[in-house]
Amino acid sequence: MSDDRSGPVGQLLAAEEQFHELMPGKDIYSKLFFRTVLWFALFTAAYTIITGL
C-alpha cells in the first residue's frame, strides 16, 4: 500500500493529521475521539447535502 496523498481523500487525511499535531492532547484516545467526530461530521454533512437535493 502506498502513501500517496494526491487525491482528495489523501489530502483530507493529510490535513487531519496535520491538525491533530496542533492539538494539545497527544494520547491515542484523544486522536481516536477527534477522528471519530471529524469523520462523523464529514459523512453527516455529505448525507445531508445528497439527500437535500
C-alpha atoms as a PDB file:
ATOM      1  CA  MET A   1       0.000   0.000   0.000  1.00  0.00           C
ATOM      2  CA  SER A   2       1.495   3.354  -0.988  1.00  0.00           C
ATOM      3  CA  ASP A   3       1.363   6.604   0.948  1.00  0.00           C
ATOM      4  CA  ASP A   4       0.010   8.696  -1.958  1.00  0.00           C
ATOM      5  CA  ARG A   5      -1.684  11.874  -0.707  1.00  0.00           C
ATOM      6  CA  SER A   6      -2.504  13.391  -4.112  1.00  0.00           C
ATOM      7  CA  GLY A   7      -6.209  12.514  -4.221  1.00  0.00           C
ATOM      8  CA  PRO A   8      -8.966  14.355  -2.335  1.00  0.00           C
ATOM      9  CA  VAL A   9      -9.217  11.704   0.399  1.00  0.00           C
ATOM     10  CA  GLY A  10      -5.443  11.651   0.784  1.00  0.00           C
ATOM     11  CA  GLN A  11      -5.353  15.420   1.109  1.00  0.00           C
ATOM     12  CA  LEU A  12      -8.146  15.285   3.695  1.00  0.00           C
ATOM     13  CA  LEU A  13      -6.230  12.674   5.683  1.00  0.00           C
ATOM     14  CA  ALA A  14      -3.058  14.759   5.489  1.00  0.00           C
ATOM     15  CA  ALA A  15      -4.923  17.858   6.715  1.00  0.00           C
ATOM     16  CA  GLU A  16      -6.484  15.854   9.553  1.00  0.00           C
ATOM     17  CA  GLU A  17      -3.075  14.503  10.548  1.00  0.00           C
ATOM     18  CA  GLN A  18      -1.536  17.970  10.469  1.00  0.00           C
ATOM     19  CA  PHE A  19      -4.406  19.416  12.525  1.00  0.00           C
ATOM     20  CA  HIS A  20      -4.036  16.671  15.129  1.00  0.00           C
ATOM     21  CA  GLU A  21      -0.375  17.587  15.573  1.00  0.00           C
ATOM     22  CA  LEU A  22      -1.537  21.047  16.706  1.00  0.00           C
ATOM     23  CA  MET A  23      -3.930  19.621  19.322  1.00  0.00           C
ATOM     24  CA  PRO A  24      -2.768  19.743  22.953  1.00  0.00           C
ATOM     25  CA  GLY A  25      -3.694  16.117  23.789  1.00  0.00           C
ATOM     26  CA  LYS A  26      -1.331  13.666  22.117  1.00  0.00           C
ATOM     27  CA  ASP A  27      -2.566  10.365  23.544  1.00  0.00           C
ATOM     28  CA  ILE A  28      -4.228   7.753  21.340  1.00  0.00           C
ATOM     29  CA  TYR A  29      -7.678   8.198  22.876  1.00  0.00           C
ATOM     30  CA  SER A  30      -7.880  11.895  22.029  1.00  0.00           C
ATOM     31  CA  LYS A  31      -6.735  11.124  18.487  1.00  0.00           C
ATOM     32  CA  LEU A  32      -9.334   8.376  18.124  1.00  0.00           C
ATOM     33  CA  PHE A  33     -12.090  10.608  19.535  1.00  0.00           C
ATOM     34  CA  PHE A  34     -11.116  13.511  17.266  1.00  0.00           C
ATOM     35  CA  ARG A  35     -11.044  11.311  14.170  1.00  0.00           C
ATOM     36  CA  THR A  36     -14.403   9.778  15.056  1.00  0.00           C
ATOM     37  CA  VAL A  37     -16.022  13.196  15.464  1.00  0.00           C
ATOM     38  CA  LEU A  38     -14.370  14.550  12.307  1.00  0.00           C
ATOM     39  CA  TRP A  39     -15.438  11.659  10.071  1.00  0.00           C
ATOM     40  CA  PHE A  40     -18.941  11.558  11.597  1.00  0.00           C
ATOM     41  CA  ALA A  41     -19.354  15.257  10.810  1.00  0.00           C
ATOM     42  CA  LEU A  42     -17.995  14.772   7.287  1.00  0.00           C
ATOM     43  CA  PHE A  43     -20.331  11.879   6.466  1.00  0.00           C
ATOM     44  CA  THR A  44     -23.298  13.610   8.113  1.00  0.00           C
ATOM     45  CA  ALA A  45     -22.686  16.721   6.004  1.00  0.00           C
ATOM     46  CA  ALA A  46     -22.325  14.645   2.835  1.00  0.00           C
ATOM     47  CA  TYR A  47     -25.519  12.706   3.618  1.00  0.00           C
ATOM     48  CA  THR A  48     -27.425  15.929   4.326  1.00  0.00           C
ATOM     49  CA  ILE A  49     -26.250  17.536   1.083  1.00  0.00           C
ATOM     50  CA  ILE A  50     -27.031  14.457  -1.037  1.00  0.00           C
ATOM     51  CA  THR A  51     -30.476  13.819   0.459  1.00  0.00           C
ATOM     52  CA  GLY A  52     -31.351  17.516   0.307  1.00  0.00           C
ATOM     53  CA  LEU A  53     -31.034  17.649  -3.477  1.00  0.00           C
END
